[in-house]
Amino acid sequence: MRRALLLALVSSIALAGGCARHRMLPDSSDIARDQNQLEQRSYQTRAFDTTDGEQTMRVVIATLQDLGFVIDQANPGLGVVSGTRLGMRNNMRITVTVRPRGSQVLVRANAQTPSAGAVSAWHYQEFFGALEKSMFLTAHEVD
């Protein structure tokens, strides 16, 4: 009797699990979210034609400081720099990662504000514009 009851319980659990609805195709909100993430990643990342990750880290730190950020943490071994900029209207926190990719170095920035969360593409353009100029000047040994 006990064995039959246990068998019936296990069978009903298996049947209930088999009747669960499984989503095979993503719905439109999943696709839109994925496209939004890809778009966001495209303006958060730049590739530089250098293999010197340490020099790139130094340039990233200097660029952040030039843009008014105070460096909170820097870990050259991991290739991560975090900084904060206190502003009149909004504060901003940015984390930048530097990692090698073949004959290039990838730099990815992630910035957030307390009020709005993620920041606009314009802020990333400001950072990467300044970083590209600094990388160029450093590569050509211009002070």
N, C-alpha and C. Protein backbone atom coordinates (compact mmCIF):
# COMPACT_ATOMS: atom_id res chain seq x y z
N MET A 1 0.82 -1.18 0.00
CA MET A 1 0.00 0.00 0.00
C MET A 1 0.87 1.26 0.00
N ARG A 2 1.87 1.27 0.89
CA ARG A 2 2.76 2.42 0.98
C ARG A 2 3.52 2.60 -0.34
N ARG A 3 3.94 1.50 -0.93
CA ARG A 3 4.67 1.56 -2.20
C ARG A 3 3.78 2.08 -3.32
N ALA A 4 2.53 1.68 -3.35
CA ALA A 4 1.58 2.15 -4.36
C ALA A 4 1.31 3.63 -4.21
N LEU A 5 1.21 4.10 -2.96
CA LEU A 5 0.99 5.51 -2.69
C LEU A 5 2.20 6.34 -3.13
N LEU A 6 3.38 5.85 -2.84
CA LEU A 6 4.61 6.54 -3.25
C LEU A 6 4.71 6.58 -4.77
N LEU A 7 4.37 5.49 -5.44
CA LEU A 7 4.40 5.44 -6.89
C LEU A 7 3.39 6.41 -7.50
N ALA A 8 2.22 6.51 -6.91
CA ALA A 8 1.20 7.44 -7.39
C ALA A 8 1.65 8.88 -7.20
N LEU A 9 2.29 9.18 -6.08
CA LEU A 9 2.78 10.53 -5.80
C LEU A 9 3.87 10.92 -6.79
N VAL A 10 4.82 10.04 -7.02
CA VAL A 10 5.90 10.32 -7.97
C VAL A 10 5.34 10.49 -9.37
N SER A 11 4.39 9.68 -9.76
CA SER A 11 3.79 9.78 -11.09
C SER A 11 3.05 11.09 -11.28
N SER A 12 2.32 11.52 -10.25
CA SER A 12 1.58 12.77 -10.37
C SER A 12 2.53 13.96 -10.45
N ILE A 13 3.64 13.92 -9.74
CA ILE A 13 4.63 14.99 -9.82
C ILE A 13 5.24 15.02 -11.22
N ALA A 14 5.56 13.87 -11.75
CA ALA A 14 6.14 13.80 -13.09
C ALA A 14 5.15 14.31 -14.14
N LEU A 15 3.87 13.95 -13.99
CA LEU A 15 2.87 14.42 -14.94
C LEU A 15 2.67 15.93 -14.83
N ALA A 16 2.65 16.44 -13.62
CA ALA A 16 2.48 17.88 -13.43
C ALA A 16 3.66 18.64 -14.02
N GLY A 17 4.85 18.11 -13.84
CA GLY A 17 6.04 18.75 -14.42
C GLY A 17 6.02 18.69 -15.94
N GLY A 18 5.49 17.61 -16.49
CA GLY A 18 5.42 17.48 -17.94
C GLY A 18 4.39 18.41 -18.55
N CYS A 19 3.41 18.83 -17.77
CA CYS A 19 2.39 19.73 -18.28
C CYS A 19 2.79 21.20 -18.17
N ALA A 20 3.92 21.45 -17.55
CA ALA A 20 4.36 22.84 -17.39
C ALA A 20 4.63 23.45 -18.75
N ARG A 21 4.32 24.71 -18.87
CA ARG A 21 4.48 25.42 -20.14
C ARG A 21 5.94 25.84 -20.29
N HIS A 22 6.53 25.46 -21.41
CA HIS A 22 7.90 25.84 -21.70
C HIS A 22 7.88 26.79 -22.88
N ARG A 23 8.59 27.90 -22.74
CA ARG A 23 8.68 28.88 -23.82
C ARG A 23 9.78 28.45 -24.76
N MET A 24 9.42 28.20 -25.99
CA MET A 24 10.41 27.78 -26.98
C MET A 24 10.99 28.97 -27.72
N LEU A 25 10.19 29.98 -27.99
CA LEU A 25 10.64 31.15 -28.72
C LEU A 25 10.58 32.37 -27.81
N PRO A 26 11.57 33.24 -27.91
CA PRO A 26 11.52 34.44 -27.07
C PRO A 26 10.39 35.36 -27.53
N ASP A 27 9.79 36.04 -26.57
CA ASP A 27 8.76 37.00 -26.96
C ASP A 27 9.42 38.31 -27.38
N SER A 28 8.63 39.25 -27.86
CA SER A 28 9.18 40.48 -28.43
C SER A 28 9.92 41.32 -27.39
N SER A 29 9.53 41.24 -26.12
CA SER A 29 10.24 42.03 -25.11
C SER A 29 11.65 41.49 -24.89
N ASP A 30 11.83 40.16 -25.00
CA ASP A 30 13.17 39.59 -24.88
C ASP A 30 14.04 40.03 -26.04
N ILE A 31 13.50 40.04 -27.24
CA ILE A 31 14.26 40.46 -28.42
C ILE A 31 14.62 41.93 -28.32
N ALA A 32 13.68 42.76 -27.90
CA ALA A 32 13.95 44.19 -27.77
C ALA A 32 15.01 44.44 -26.71
N ARG A 33 14.96 43.69 -25.60
CA ARG A 33 15.95 43.84 -24.54
C ARG A 33 17.33 43.43 -25.05
N ASP A 34 17.41 42.33 -25.81
CA ASP A 34 18.69 41.89 -26.36
C ASP A 34 19.25 42.90 -27.34
N GLN A 35 18.39 43.48 -28.20
CA GLN A 35 18.85 44.49 -29.14
C GLN A 35 19.31 45.74 -28.39
N ASN A 36 18.61 46.11 -27.34
CA ASN A 36 19.00 47.26 -26.54
C ASN A 36 20.36 47.01 -25.89
N GLN A 37 20.59 45.80 -25.39
CA GLN A 37 21.87 45.47 -24.78
C GLN A 37 23.00 45.49 -25.81
N LEU A 38 22.74 45.00 -27.02
CA LEU A 38 23.75 45.04 -28.07
C LEU A 38 24.07 46.47 -28.46
N GLU A 39 23.04 47.30 -28.59
CA GLU A 39 23.26 48.71 -28.92
C GLU A 39 24.06 49.40 -27.82
N GLN A 40 23.69 49.11 -26.57
CA GLN A 40 24.40 49.71 -25.44
C GLN A 40 25.86 49.26 -25.42
N ARG A 41 26.10 48.00 -25.65
CA ARG A 41 27.47 47.49 -25.66
C ARG A 41 28.29 48.13 -26.78
N SER A 42 27.65 48.46 -27.89
CA SER A 42 28.37 49.04 -29.02
C SER A 42 28.93 50.42 -28.68
N TYR A 43 28.23 51.21 -27.88
CA TYR A 43 28.79 52.51 -27.53
C TYR A 43 29.53 52.48 -26.19
N GLN A 44 29.56 51.35 -25.52
CA GLN A 44 30.32 51.23 -24.29
C GLN A 44 31.72 50.65 -24.52
N THR A 45 32.00 50.15 -25.71
CA THR A 45 33.24 49.42 -25.97
C THR A 45 33.99 50.01 -27.15
N ARG A 46 35.31 50.10 -27.00
CA ARG A 46 36.19 50.51 -28.10
C ARG A 46 37.40 49.58 -28.12
N ALA A 47 37.91 49.33 -29.31
CA ALA A 47 39.12 48.54 -29.49
C ALA A 47 40.25 49.46 -29.91
N PHE A 48 41.42 49.27 -29.31
CA PHE A 48 42.59 50.08 -29.63
C PHE A 48 43.70 49.16 -30.14
N ASP A 49 44.40 49.63 -31.16
CA ASP A 49 45.46 48.83 -31.78
C ASP A 49 46.75 48.93 -30.98
N THR A 50 46.76 48.27 -29.86
CA THR A 50 47.94 48.19 -29.01
C THR A 50 47.84 46.89 -28.23
N THR A 51 48.96 46.40 -27.78
CA THR A 51 48.95 45.21 -26.92
C THR A 51 49.41 45.55 -25.51
N ASP A 52 49.66 46.82 -25.25
CA ASP A 52 50.16 47.26 -23.95
C ASP A 52 48.99 47.61 -23.03
N GLY A 53 48.53 46.61 -22.29
CA GLY A 53 47.40 46.81 -21.38
C GLY A 53 47.74 47.73 -20.22
N GLU A 54 48.98 47.65 -19.72
CA GLU A 54 49.38 48.50 -18.60
C GLU A 54 49.38 49.97 -18.99
N GLN A 55 49.92 50.26 -20.17
CA GLN A 55 49.92 51.65 -20.65
C GLN A 55 48.49 52.14 -20.87
N THR A 56 47.66 51.27 -21.41
CA THR A 56 46.25 51.63 -21.62
C THR A 56 45.57 51.93 -20.30
N MET A 57 45.87 51.14 -19.26
CA MET A 57 45.30 51.42 -17.93
C MET A 57 45.73 52.79 -17.43
N ARG A 58 47.01 53.14 -17.61
CA ARG A 58 47.49 54.45 -17.17
C ARG A 58 46.77 55.57 -17.92
N VAL A 59 46.56 55.37 -19.22
CA VAL A 59 45.87 56.39 -20.02
C VAL A 59 44.41 56.50 -19.61
N VAL A 60 43.77 55.39 -19.32
CA VAL A 60 42.37 55.40 -18.86
C VAL A 60 42.27 56.18 -17.55
N ILE A 61 43.16 55.91 -16.61
CA ILE A 61 43.14 56.61 -15.33
C ILE A 61 43.35 58.11 -15.53
N ALA A 62 44.33 58.47 -16.35
CA ALA A 62 44.60 59.89 -16.60
C ALA A 62 43.41 60.57 -17.28
N THR A 63 42.76 59.88 -18.21
CA THR A 63 41.61 60.43 -18.91
C THR A 63 40.45 60.65 -17.95
N LEU A 64 40.20 59.68 -17.09
CA LEU A 64 39.13 59.84 -16.10
C LEU A 64 39.41 61.03 -15.20
N GLN A 65 40.65 61.17 -14.77
CA GLN A 65 40.99 62.31 -13.93
C GLN A 65 40.84 63.63 -14.68
N ASP A 66 41.22 63.65 -15.97
CA ASP A 66 41.04 64.86 -16.78
C ASP A 66 39.57 65.23 -16.91
N LEU A 67 38.69 64.24 -16.89
CA LEU A 67 37.25 64.48 -17.01
C LEU A 67 36.60 64.77 -15.66
N GLY A 68 37.40 64.89 -14.61
CA GLY A 68 36.86 65.26 -13.30
C GLY A 68 36.49 64.10 -12.40
N PHE A 69 36.89 62.90 -12.74
CA PHE A 69 36.59 61.74 -11.90
C PHE A 69 37.67 61.57 -10.85
N VAL A 70 37.26 61.14 -9.68
CA VAL A 70 38.17 60.76 -8.61
C VAL A 70 38.26 59.24 -8.67
N ILE A 71 39.46 58.71 -8.77
CA ILE A 71 39.64 57.26 -8.88
C ILE A 71 39.38 56.62 -7.52
N ASP A 72 38.40 55.72 -7.48
CA ASP A 72 38.05 55.01 -6.26
C ASP A 72 38.88 53.74 -6.11
N GLN A 73 39.04 53.02 -7.22
CA GLN A 73 39.80 51.77 -7.21
C GLN A 73 40.47 51.60 -8.56
N ALA A 74 41.65 51.02 -8.52
CA ALA A 74 42.34 50.65 -9.75
C ALA A 74 43.06 49.34 -9.49
N ASN A 75 42.80 48.35 -10.31
CA ASN A 75 43.45 47.05 -10.19
C ASN A 75 44.04 46.68 -11.54
N PRO A 76 45.31 47.02 -11.77
CA PRO A 76 45.93 46.73 -13.06
C PRO A 76 45.96 45.24 -13.40
N GLY A 77 46.09 44.40 -12.38
CA GLY A 77 46.10 42.95 -12.61
C GLY A 77 44.81 42.45 -13.23
N LEU A 78 43.69 43.00 -12.78
CA LEU A 78 42.39 42.62 -13.33
C LEU A 78 41.98 43.50 -14.50
N GLY A 79 42.65 44.64 -14.65
CA GLY A 79 42.30 45.57 -15.72
C GLY A 79 41.02 46.34 -15.43
N VAL A 80 40.81 46.74 -14.18
CA VAL A 80 39.57 47.42 -13.79
C VAL A 80 39.90 48.73 -13.08
N VAL A 81 39.19 49.79 -13.47
CA VAL A 81 39.31 51.09 -12.84
C VAL A 81 37.91 51.60 -12.54
N SER A 82 37.70 52.11 -11.32
CA SER A 82 36.41 52.71 -10.95
C SER A 82 36.65 54.13 -10.48
N GLY A 83 35.73 55.01 -10.86
CA GLY A 83 35.84 56.40 -10.44
C GLY A 83 34.48 57.03 -10.25
N THR A 84 34.48 58.15 -9.53
CA THR A 84 33.26 58.89 -9.24
C THR A 84 33.47 60.35 -9.58
N ARG A 85 32.45 60.95 -10.18
CA ARG A 85 32.48 62.38 -10.47
C ARG A 85 31.28 63.01 -9.79
N LEU A 86 31.56 63.97 -8.93
CA LEU A 86 30.49 64.69 -8.24
C LEU A 86 30.21 65.95 -9.02
N GLY A 87 28.96 66.13 -9.40
CA GLY A 87 28.59 67.28 -10.22
C GLY A 87 27.53 68.12 -9.55
N MET A 88 27.29 69.28 -10.16
CA MET A 88 26.26 70.18 -9.63
C MET A 88 24.87 69.55 -9.76
N ARG A 89 24.61 68.93 -10.89
CA ARG A 89 23.28 68.36 -11.14
C ARG A 89 23.22 66.87 -10.86
N ASN A 90 24.29 66.18 -11.23
CA ASN A 90 24.25 64.73 -11.03
C ASN A 90 25.65 64.18 -10.75
N ASN A 91 25.66 63.15 -9.95
CA ASN A 91 26.89 62.42 -9.69
C ASN A 91 26.94 61.27 -10.68
N MET A 92 28.15 60.83 -10.99
CA MET A 92 28.29 59.72 -11.93
C MET A 92 29.38 58.79 -11.43
N ARG A 93 29.13 57.52 -11.55
CA ARG A 93 30.11 56.49 -11.22
C ARG A 93 30.40 55.73 -12.50
N ILE A 94 31.69 55.46 -12.74
CA ILE A 94 32.08 54.75 -13.95
C ILE A 94 33.06 53.64 -13.59
N THR A 95 32.90 52.52 -14.24
CA THR A 95 33.83 51.41 -14.12
C THR A 95 34.32 51.09 -15.53
N VAL A 96 35.63 51.03 -15.68
CA VAL A 96 36.24 50.78 -16.99
C VAL A 96 37.07 49.51 -16.89
N THR A 97 36.88 48.61 -17.85
CA THR A 97 37.70 47.40 -17.91
C THR A 97 38.58 47.45 -19.15
N VAL A 98 39.78 46.95 -18.99
CA VAL A 98 40.76 46.89 -20.08
C VAL A 98 41.19 45.44 -20.20
N ARG A 99 41.01 44.87 -21.39
CA ARG A 99 41.41 43.46 -21.57
C ARG A 99 41.97 43.26 -22.97
N PRO A 100 42.94 42.37 -23.07
CA PRO A 100 43.55 42.11 -24.39
C PRO A 100 42.63 41.28 -25.28
N ARG A 101 42.74 41.54 -26.59
CA ARG A 101 42.04 40.71 -27.58
C ARG A 101 42.94 40.65 -28.81
N GLY A 102 43.73 39.61 -28.89
CA GLY A 102 44.65 39.45 -30.01
C GLY A 102 45.67 40.58 -30.03
N SER A 103 45.72 41.31 -31.12
CA SER A 103 46.67 42.43 -31.25
C SER A 103 46.03 43.76 -30.83
N GLN A 104 44.92 43.68 -30.12
CA GLN A 104 44.22 44.88 -29.67
C GLN A 104 43.96 44.81 -28.17
N VAL A 105 43.55 45.95 -27.65
CA VAL A 105 43.08 46.04 -26.27
C VAL A 105 41.65 46.56 -26.33
N LEU A 106 40.74 45.85 -25.66
CA LEU A 106 39.34 46.30 -25.59
C LEU A 106 39.15 47.10 -24.31
N VAL A 107 38.52 48.25 -24.45
CA VAL A 107 38.19 49.09 -23.30
C VAL A 107 36.67 49.20 -23.25
N ARG A 108 36.10 48.82 -22.11
CA ARG A 108 34.65 48.90 -21.95
C ARG A 108 34.33 49.72 -20.72
N ALA A 109 33.46 50.68 -20.88
CA ALA A 109 33.05 51.55 -19.79
C ALA A 109 31.60 51.29 -19.43
N ASN A 110 31.30 51.39 -18.15
CA ASN A 110 29.93 51.26 -17.67
C ASN A 110 29.70 52.39 -16.68
N ALA A 111 28.87 53.34 -17.04
CA ALA A 111 28.62 54.51 -16.20
C ALA A 111 27.19 54.50 -15.71
N GLN A 112 27.01 55.00 -14.49
CA GLN A 112 25.67 55.09 -13.90
C GLN A 112 25.55 56.36 -13.08
N THR A 113 24.33 56.86 -13.03
CA THR A 113 24.01 57.98 -12.15
C THR A 113 22.99 57.50 -11.14
N PRO A 114 23.00 58.04 -9.93
CA PRO A 114 22.03 57.59 -8.93
C PRO A 114 20.58 57.85 -9.33
N SER A 115 20.34 58.95 -10.04
CA SER A 115 18.97 59.30 -10.37
C SER A 115 18.43 58.55 -11.58
N ALA A 116 19.26 58.36 -12.60
CA ALA A 116 18.76 57.78 -13.85
C ALA A 116 19.29 56.39 -14.13
N GLY A 117 20.19 55.88 -13.32
CA GLY A 117 20.77 54.58 -13.60
C GLY A 117 21.77 54.70 -14.74
N ALA A 118 21.51 54.01 -15.83
CA ALA A 118 22.42 54.05 -16.98
C ALA A 118 22.42 55.44 -17.60
N VAL A 119 23.54 55.79 -18.19
CA VAL A 119 23.67 57.12 -18.79
C VAL A 119 23.54 57.02 -20.30
N SER A 120 23.42 58.17 -20.95
CA SER A 120 23.19 58.20 -22.39
C SER A 120 24.47 57.93 -23.17
N ALA A 121 24.31 57.69 -24.45
CA ALA A 121 25.44 57.44 -25.33
C ALA A 121 26.37 58.64 -25.39
N TRP A 122 25.85 59.84 -25.18
CA TRP A 122 26.66 61.05 -25.24
C TRP A 122 27.78 61.02 -24.20
N HIS A 123 27.49 60.54 -23.00
CA HIS A 123 28.50 60.46 -21.95
C HIS A 123 29.63 59.52 -22.35
N TYR A 124 29.28 58.40 -22.99
CA TYR A 124 30.31 57.46 -23.44
C TYR A 124 31.13 58.08 -24.56
N GLN A 125 30.47 58.82 -25.46
CA GLN A 125 31.21 59.49 -26.52
C GLN A 125 32.19 60.50 -25.95
N GLU A 126 31.79 61.20 -24.90
CA GLU A 126 32.68 62.15 -24.25
C GLU A 126 33.91 61.43 -23.70
N PHE A 127 33.70 60.33 -22.99
CA PHE A 127 34.81 59.58 -22.42
C PHE A 127 35.71 59.00 -23.50
N PHE A 128 35.12 58.30 -24.48
CA PHE A 128 35.94 57.65 -25.50
C PHE A 128 36.62 58.66 -26.42
N GLY A 129 36.00 59.80 -26.66
CA GLY A 129 36.65 60.85 -27.45
C GLY A 129 37.92 61.32 -26.77
N ALA A 130 37.82 61.59 -25.47
CA ALA A 130 39.00 62.02 -24.71
C ALA A 130 40.03 60.89 -24.62
N LEU A 131 39.57 59.65 -24.45
CA LEU A 131 40.49 58.52 -24.36
C LEU A 131 41.23 58.31 -25.68
N GLU A 132 40.51 58.40 -26.81
CA GLU A 132 41.16 58.23 -28.11
C GLU A 132 42.24 59.28 -28.35
N LYS A 133 41.96 60.52 -27.96
CA LYS A 133 42.97 61.58 -28.10
C LYS A 133 44.18 61.27 -27.23
N SER A 134 43.94 60.85 -26.00
CA SER A 134 45.05 60.53 -25.08
C SER A 134 45.84 59.33 -25.59
N MET A 135 45.16 58.33 -26.11
CA MET A 135 45.87 57.16 -26.65
C MET A 135 46.73 57.56 -27.85
N PHE A 136 46.22 58.42 -28.70
CA PHE A 136 46.96 58.89 -29.86
C PHE A 136 48.21 59.66 -29.42
N LEU A 137 48.02 60.58 -28.48
CA LEU A 137 49.14 61.39 -28.01
C LEU A 137 50.19 60.53 -27.31
N THR A 138 49.74 59.55 -26.55
CA THR A 138 50.67 58.65 -25.87
C THR A 138 51.44 57.79 -26.88
N ALA A 139 50.74 57.29 -27.89
CA ALA A 139 51.40 56.44 -28.90
C ALA A 139 52.44 57.22 -29.68
N HIS A 140 52.21 58.52 -29.88
CA HIS A 140 53.14 59.36 -30.63
C HIS A 140 54.06 60.17 -29.73
N GLU A 141 54.05 59.80 -28.43
CA GLU A 141 54.93 60.41 -27.42
C GLU A 141 54.87 61.92 -27.43
N VAL A 142 53.64 62.46 -27.46
CA VAL A 142 53.42 63.90 -27.40
C VAL A 142 52.93 64.25 -26.00
N ASP A 143 53.53 65.25 -25.38
CA ASP A 143 53.09 65.66 -24.04
C ASP A 143 52.07 66.74 -24.12
